Amino acid sequence: MNLRIRDLREDADLTQKQISEIILCDQSLYSKYERGERVLPFDLAVKLADYYQVSLDYLFGRSNKRK
């Protein structure tokens, strides 16, 4: 999943700081989610899926279909 959230962010041309502000999370903590050092909480996963308009299955790598 950490690769998916990084790829989605980069595809949207956003910095970690920008996306962390969107999902109301500290940038250093968000960086740890992207590196796989921390588990992304469900509520933040939902915010990211909503923002990027992808399914949670896609975000968590359970599907290759974005919707």
PDB file of N, CA and C in Angstrom:
ATOM      1  N   MET A   1       0.813  -1.195   0.000  1.00  0.00           N
ATOM      2  CA  MET A   1       0.000   0.000   0.000  1.00  0.00           C
ATOM      3  C   MET A   1       0.854   1.255   0.000  1.00  0.00           C
ATOM      4  N   ASN A   2       1.984   1.220   0.671  1.00  0.00           N
ATOM      5  CA  ASN A   2       2.801   2.421   0.754  1.00  0.00           C
ATOM      6  C   ASN A   2       3.229   2.893  -0.631  1.00  0.00           C
ATOM      7  N   LEU A   3       3.489   1.961  -1.547  1.00  0.00           N
ATOM      8  CA  LEU A   3       3.857   2.370  -2.905  1.00  0.00           C
ATOM      9  C   LEU A   3       2.666   3.001  -3.630  1.00  0.00           C
ATOM     10  N   ARG A   4       1.482   2.492  -3.367  1.00  0.00           N
ATOM     11  CA  ARG A   4       0.291   3.048  -4.014  1.00  0.00           C
ATOM     12  C   ARG A   4       0.054   4.493  -3.577  1.00  0.00           C
ATOM     13  N   ILE A   5       0.171   4.763  -2.282  1.00  0.00           N
ATOM     14  CA  ILE A   5      -0.121   6.134  -1.849  1.00  0.00           C
ATOM     15  C   ILE A   5       0.955   7.090  -2.353  1.00  0.00           C
ATOM     16  N   ARG A   6       2.183   6.616  -2.470  1.00  0.00           N
ATOM     17  CA  ARG A   6       3.234   7.475  -3.021  1.00  0.00           C
ATOM     18  C   ARG A   6       2.986   7.720  -4.507  1.00  0.00           C
ATOM     19  N   ASP A   7       2.661   6.659  -5.247  1.00  0.00           N
ATOM     20  CA  ASP A   7       2.405   6.812  -6.681  1.00  0.00           C
ATOM     21  C   ASP A   7       1.217   7.720  -6.946  1.00  0.00           C
ATOM     22  N   LEU A   8       0.155   7.569  -6.170  1.00  0.00           N
ATOM     23  CA  LEU A   8      -1.019   8.426  -6.342  1.00  0.00           C
ATOM     24  C   LEU A   8      -0.665   9.886  -6.080  1.00  0.00           C
ATOM     25  N   ARG A   9       0.104  10.103  -5.029  1.00  0.00           N
ATOM     26  CA  ARG A   9       0.516  11.481  -4.701  1.00  0.00           C
ATOM     27  C   ARG A   9       1.373  12.074  -5.803  1.00  0.00           C
ATOM     28  N   GLU A  10       2.345  11.295  -6.270  1.00  0.00           N
ATOM     29  CA  GLU A  10       3.231  11.796  -7.324  1.00  0.00           C
ATOM     30  C   GLU A  10       2.474  12.017  -8.627  1.00  0.00           C
ATOM     31  N   ASP A  11       1.533  11.119  -8.951  1.00  0.00           N
ATOM     32  CA  ASP A  11       0.721  11.298 -10.164  1.00  0.00           C
ATOM     33  C   ASP A  11      -0.101  12.584 -10.098  1.00  0.00           C
ATOM     34  N   ALA A  12      -0.481  12.976  -8.892  1.00  0.00           N
ATOM     35  CA  ALA A  12      -1.263  14.209  -8.704  1.00  0.00           C
ATOM     36  C   ALA A  12      -0.364  15.430  -8.559  1.00  0.00           C
ATOM     37  N   ASP A  13       0.958  15.238  -8.684  1.00  0.00           N
ATOM     38  CA  ASP A  13       1.929  16.327  -8.552  1.00  0.00           C
ATOM     39  C   ASP A  13       1.789  17.071  -7.222  1.00  0.00           C
ATOM     40  N   LEU A  14       1.658  16.286  -6.151  1.00  0.00           N
ATOM     41  CA  LEU A  14       1.551  16.857  -4.815  1.00  0.00           C
ATOM     42  C   LEU A  14       2.785  16.497  -4.003  1.00  0.00           C
ATOM     43  N   THR A  15       3.132  17.364  -3.079  1.00  0.00           N
ATOM     44  CA  THR A  15       4.207  17.066  -2.135  1.00  0.00           C
ATOM     45  C   THR A  15       3.605  16.333  -0.937  1.00  0.00           C
ATOM     46  N   GLN A  16       4.470  15.719  -0.146  1.00  0.00           N
ATOM     47  CA  GLN A  16       3.989  15.093   1.081  1.00  0.00           C
ATOM     48  C   GLN A  16       3.333  16.125   1.986  1.00  0.00           C
ATOM     49  N   LYS A  17       3.888  17.300   2.032  1.00  0.00           N
ATOM     50  CA  LYS A  17       3.327  18.376   2.865  1.00  0.00           C
ATOM     51  C   LYS A  17       1.909  18.720   2.422  1.00  0.00           C
ATOM     52  N   GLN A  18       1.713  18.831   1.106  1.00  0.00           N
ATOM     53  CA  GLN A  18       0.391  19.189   0.591  1.00  0.00           C
ATOM     54  C   GLN A  18      -0.645  18.121   0.931  1.00  0.00           C
ATOM     55  N   ILE A  19      -0.311  16.856   0.692  1.00  0.00           N
ATOM     56  CA  ILE A  19      -1.295  15.805   0.968  1.00  0.00           C
ATOM     57  C   ILE A  19      -1.516  15.638   2.461  1.00  0.00           C
ATOM     58  N   SER A  20      -0.482  15.845   3.257  1.00  0.00           N
ATOM     59  CA  SER A  20      -0.678  15.738   4.702  1.00  0.00           C
ATOM     60  C   SER A  20      -1.618  16.834   5.204  1.00  0.00           C
ATOM     61  N   GLU A  21      -1.564  18.010   4.598  1.00  0.00           N
ATOM     62  CA  GLU A  21      -2.489  19.080   4.972  1.00  0.00           C
ATOM     63  C   GLU A  21      -3.915  18.739   4.534  1.00  0.00           C
ATOM     64  N   ILE A  22      -4.059  18.099   3.405  1.00  0.00           N
ATOM     65  CA  ILE A  22      -5.383  17.725   2.897  1.00  0.00           C
ATOM     66  C   ILE A  22      -6.042  16.704   3.818  1.00  0.00           C
ATOM     67  N   ILE A  23      -5.257  15.732   4.296  1.00  0.00           N
ATOM     68  CA  ILE A  23      -5.849  14.690   5.147  1.00  0.00           C
ATOM     69  C   ILE A  23      -5.686  14.985   6.637  1.00  0.00           C
ATOM     70  N   LEU A  24      -5.182  16.173   6.956  1.00  0.00           N
ATOM     71  CA  LEU A  24      -5.046  16.632   8.340  1.00  0.00           C
ATOM     72  C   LEU A  24      -4.148  15.707   9.164  1.00  0.00           C
ATOM     73  N   CYS A  25      -2.931  15.580   8.690  1.00  0.00           N
ATOM     74  CA  CYS A  25      -1.953  14.698   9.323  1.00  0.00           C
ATOM     75  C   CYS A  25      -0.600  15.393   9.254  1.00  0.00           C
ATOM     76  N   ASP A  26       0.277  15.101  10.190  1.00  0.00           N
ATOM     77  CA  ASP A  26       1.613  15.679  10.189  1.00  0.00           C
ATOM     78  C   ASP A  26       2.427  15.121   9.020  1.00  0.00           C
ATOM     79  N   GLN A  27       3.214  15.959   8.369  1.00  0.00           N
ATOM     80  CA  GLN A  27       3.989  15.538   7.197  1.00  0.00           C
ATOM     81  C   GLN A  27       4.983  14.437   7.536  1.00  0.00           C
ATOM     82  N   SER A  28       5.634  14.523   8.675  1.00  0.00           N
ATOM     83  CA  SER A  28       6.608  13.483   9.035  1.00  0.00           C
ATOM     84  C   SER A  28       5.925  12.138   9.259  1.00  0.00           C
ATOM     85  N   LEU A  29       4.729  12.151   9.797  1.00  0.00           N
ATOM     86  CA  LEU A  29       3.962  10.923   9.984  1.00  0.00           C
ATOM     87  C   LEU A  29       3.514  10.370   8.632  1.00  0.00           C
ATOM     88  N   TYR A  30       3.049  11.254   7.756  1.00  0.00           N
ATOM     89  CA  TYR A  30       2.640  10.808   6.416  1.00  0.00           C
ATOM     90  C   TYR A  30       3.815  10.168   5.680  1.00  0.00           C
ATOM     91  N   SER A  31       4.990  10.728   5.832  1.00  0.00           N
ATOM     92  CA  SER A  31       6.189  10.180   5.214  1.00  0.00           C
ATOM     93  C   SER A  31       6.427   8.738   5.683  1.00  0.00           C
ATOM     94  N   LYS A  32       6.172   8.481   6.949  1.00  0.00           N
ATOM     95  CA  LYS A  32       6.338   7.127   7.487  1.00  0.00           C
ATOM     96  C   LYS A  32       5.313   6.169   6.883  1.00  0.00           C
ATOM     97  N   TYR A  33       4.104   6.659   6.602  1.00  0.00           N
ATOM     98  CA  TYR A  33       3.109   5.816   5.932  1.00  0.00           C
ATOM     99  C   TYR A  33       3.605   5.432   4.539  1.00  0.00           C
ATOM    100  N   GLU A  34       4.148   6.394   3.814  1.00  0.00           N
ATOM    101  CA  GLU A  34       4.643   6.120   2.463  1.00  0.00           C
ATOM    102  C   GLU A  34       5.824   5.157   2.479  1.00  0.00           C
ATOM    103  N   ARG A  35       6.665   5.239   3.474  1.00  0.00           N
ATOM    104  CA  ARG A  35       7.834   4.359   3.557  1.00  0.00           C
ATOM    105  C   ARG A  35       7.499   3.001   4.161  1.00  0.00           C
ATOM    106  N   GLY A  36       6.275   2.828   4.616  1.00  0.00           N
ATOM    107  CA  GLY A  36       5.864   1.566   5.215  1.00  0.00           C
ATOM    108  C   GLY A  36       6.352   1.381   6.636  1.00  0.00           C
ATOM    109  N   GLU A  37       6.757   2.463   7.273  1.00  0.00           N
ATOM    110  CA  GLU A  37       7.246   2.392   8.650  1.00  0.00           C
ATOM    111  C   GLU A  37       6.113   2.437   9.671  1.00  0.00           C
ATOM    112  N   ARG A  38       4.967   2.932   9.260  1.00  0.00           N
ATOM    113  CA  ARG A  38       3.778   2.993  10.109  1.00  0.00           C
ATOM    114  C   ARG A  38       2.594   2.500   9.290  1.00  0.00           C
ATOM    115  N   VAL A  39       1.634   1.903   9.974  1.00  0.00           N
ATOM    116  CA  VAL A  39       0.411   1.441   9.317  1.00  0.00           C
ATOM    117  C   VAL A  39      -0.547   2.623   9.176  1.00  0.00           C
ATOM    118  N   LEU A  40      -1.056   2.808   7.986  1.00  0.00           N
ATOM    119  CA  LEU A  40      -1.995   3.895   7.719  1.00  0.00           C
ATOM    120  C   LEU A  40      -3.326   3.591   8.411  1.00  0.00           C
ATOM    121  N   PRO A  41      -3.781   4.461   9.306  1.00  0.00           N
ATOM    122  CA  PRO A  41      -5.067   4.241   9.974  1.00  0.00           C
ATOM    123  C   PRO A  41      -6.220   4.260   8.965  1.00  0.00           C
ATOM    124  N   PHE A  42      -7.253   3.511   9.292  1.00  0.00           N
ATOM    125  CA  PHE A  42      -8.384   3.374   8.383  1.00  0.00           C
ATOM    126  C   PHE A  42      -9.000   4.725   8.021  1.00  0.00           C
ATOM    127  N   ASP A  43      -9.153   5.618   9.000  1.00  0.00           N
ATOM    128  CA  ASP A  43      -9.793   6.902   8.705  1.00  0.00           C
ATOM    129  C   ASP A  43      -8.978   7.725   7.704  1.00  0.00           C
ATOM    130  N   LEU A  44      -7.653   7.653   7.776  1.00  0.00           N
ATOM    131  CA  LEU A  44      -6.830   8.366   6.804  1.00  0.00           C
ATOM    132  C   LEU A  44      -6.850   7.666   5.455  1.00  0.00           C
ATOM    133  N   ALA A  45      -6.944   6.339   5.462  1.00  0.00           N
ATOM    134  CA  ALA A  45      -7.059   5.592   4.206  1.00  0.00           C
ATOM    135  C   ALA A  45      -8.334   5.992   3.474  1.00  0.00           C
ATOM    136  N   VAL A  46      -9.412   6.154   4.216  1.00  0.00           N
ATOM    137  CA  VAL A  46     -10.683   6.568   3.606  1.00  0.00           C
ATOM    138  C   VAL A  46     -10.546   7.973   3.017  1.00  0.00           C
ATOM    139  N   LYS A  47      -9.905   8.872   3.748  1.00  0.00           N
ATOM    140  CA  LYS A  47      -9.708  10.231   3.236  1.00  0.00           C
ATOM    141  C   LYS A  47      -8.884  10.220   1.952  1.00  0.00           C
ATOM    142  N   LEU A  48      -7.822   9.410   1.916  1.00  0.00           N
ATOM    143  CA  LEU A  48      -6.984   9.328   0.714  1.00  0.00           C
ATOM    144  C   LEU A  48      -7.757   8.718  -0.449  1.00  0.00           C
ATOM    145  N   ALA A  49      -8.499   7.645  -0.190  1.00  0.00           N
ATOM    146  CA  ALA A  49      -9.290   7.010  -1.252  1.00  0.00           C
ATOM    147  C   ALA A  49     -10.320   7.988  -1.804  1.00  0.00           C
ATOM    148  N   ASP A  50     -10.964   8.732  -0.936  1.00  0.00           N
ATOM    149  CA  ASP A  50     -11.937   9.733  -1.390  1.00  0.00           C
ATOM    150  C   ASP A  50     -11.253  10.828  -2.196  1.00  0.00           C
ATOM    151  N   TYR A  51     -10.124  11.306  -1.716  1.00  0.00           N
ATOM    152  CA  TYR A  51      -9.429  12.388  -2.402  1.00  0.00           C
ATOM    153  C   TYR A  51      -8.970  11.963  -3.796  1.00  0.00           C
ATOM    154  N   TYR A  52      -8.383  10.781  -3.892  1.00  0.00           N
ATOM    155  CA  TYR A  52      -7.871  10.304  -5.174  1.00  0.00           C
ATOM    156  C   TYR A  52      -8.947   9.617  -6.021  1.00  0.00           C
ATOM    157  N   GLN A  53     -10.133   9.470  -5.459  1.00  0.00           N
ATOM    158  CA  GLN A  53     -11.252   8.810  -6.124  1.00  0.00           C
ATOM    159  C   GLN A  53     -10.889   7.389  -6.564  1.00  0.00           C
ATOM    160  N   VAL A  54     -10.357   6.633  -5.616  1.00  0.00           N
ATOM    161  CA  VAL A  54     -10.036   5.224  -5.841  1.00  0.00           C
ATOM    162  C   VAL A  54     -10.707   4.408  -4.741  1.00  0.00           C
ATOM    163  N   SER A  55     -10.819   3.105  -4.980  1.00  0.00           N
ATOM    164  CA  SER A  55     -11.409   2.234  -3.967  1.00  0.00           C
ATOM    165  C   SER A  55     -10.376   1.933  -2.881  1.00  0.00           C
ATOM    166  N   LEU A  56     -10.872   1.540  -1.728  1.00  0.00           N
ATOM    167  CA  LEU A  56      -9.967   1.115  -0.662  1.00  0.00           C
ATOM    168  C   LEU A  56      -9.213  -0.141  -1.081  1.00  0.00           C
ATOM    169  N   ASP A  57      -9.859  -1.018  -1.845  1.00  0.00           N
ATOM    170  CA  ASP A  57      -9.167  -2.216  -2.338  1.00  0.00           C
ATOM    171  C   ASP A  57      -7.974  -1.833  -3.200  1.00  0.00           C
ATOM    172  N   TYR A  58      -8.137  -0.826  -4.032  1.00  0.00           N
ATOM    173  CA  TYR A  58      -7.014  -0.370  -4.857  1.00  0.00           C
ATOM    174  C   TYR A  58      -5.923   0.227  -3.972  1.00  0.00           C
ATOM    175  N   LEU A  59      -6.329   1.057  -3.040  1.00  0.00           N
ATOM    176  CA  LEU A  59      -5.366   1.711  -2.160  1.00  0.00           C
ATOM    177  C   LEU A  59      -4.539   0.693  -1.372  1.00  0.00           C
ATOM    178  N   PHE A  60      -5.187  -0.378  -0.931  1.00  0.00           N
ATOM    179  CA  PHE A  60      -4.502  -1.383  -0.129  1.00  0.00           C
ATOM    180  C   PHE A  60      -3.876  -2.495  -0.970  1.00  0.00           C
ATOM    181  N   GLY A  61      -3.935  -2.363  -2.301  1.00  0.00           N
ATOM    182  CA  GLY A  61      -3.284  -3.332  -3.171  1.00  0.00           C
ATOM    183  C   GLY A  61      -4.046  -4.633  -3.346  1.00  0.00           C
ATOM    184  N   ARG A  62      -5.323  -4.634  -2.993  1.00  0.00           N
ATOM    185  CA  ARG A  62      -6.137  -5.843  -3.149  1.00  0.00           C
ATOM    186  C   ARG A  62      -6.735  -5.944  -4.539  1.00  0.00           C
ATOM    187  N   SER A  63      -6.654  -4.863  -5.309  1.00  0.00           N
ATOM    188  CA  SER A  63      -7.202  -4.827  -6.664  1.00  0.00           C
ATOM    189  C   SER A  63      -6.373  -3.871  -7.492  1.00  0.00           C
ATOM    190  N   ASN A  64      -6.332  -4.109  -8.776  1.00  0.00           N
ATOM    191  CA  ASN A  64      -5.659  -3.183  -9.684  1.00  0.00           C
ATOM    192  C   ASN A  64      -6.653  -2.247 -10.361  1.00  0.00           C
ATOM    193  N   LYS A  65      -7.931  -2.392 -10.043  1.00  0.00           N
ATOM    194  CA  LYS A  65      -8.972  -1.507 -10.564  1.00  0.00           C
ATOM    195  C   LYS A  65      -9.101  -0.325  -9.629  1.00  0.00           C
ATOM    196  N   ARG A  66      -8.974   0.861 -10.180  1.00  0.00           N
ATOM    197  CA  ARG A  66      -9.024   2.060  -9.340  1.00  0.00           C
ATOM    198  C   ARG A  66     -10.387   2.282  -8.701  1.00  0.00           C
ATOM    199  N   LYS A  67     -11.443   1.933  -9.367  1.00  0.00           N
ATOM    200  CA  LYS A  67     -12.802   2.120  -8.838  1.00  0.00           C
ATOM    201  C   LYS A  67     -13.389   0.821  -8.345  1.00  0.00           C
TER     202      LYS A  67
END
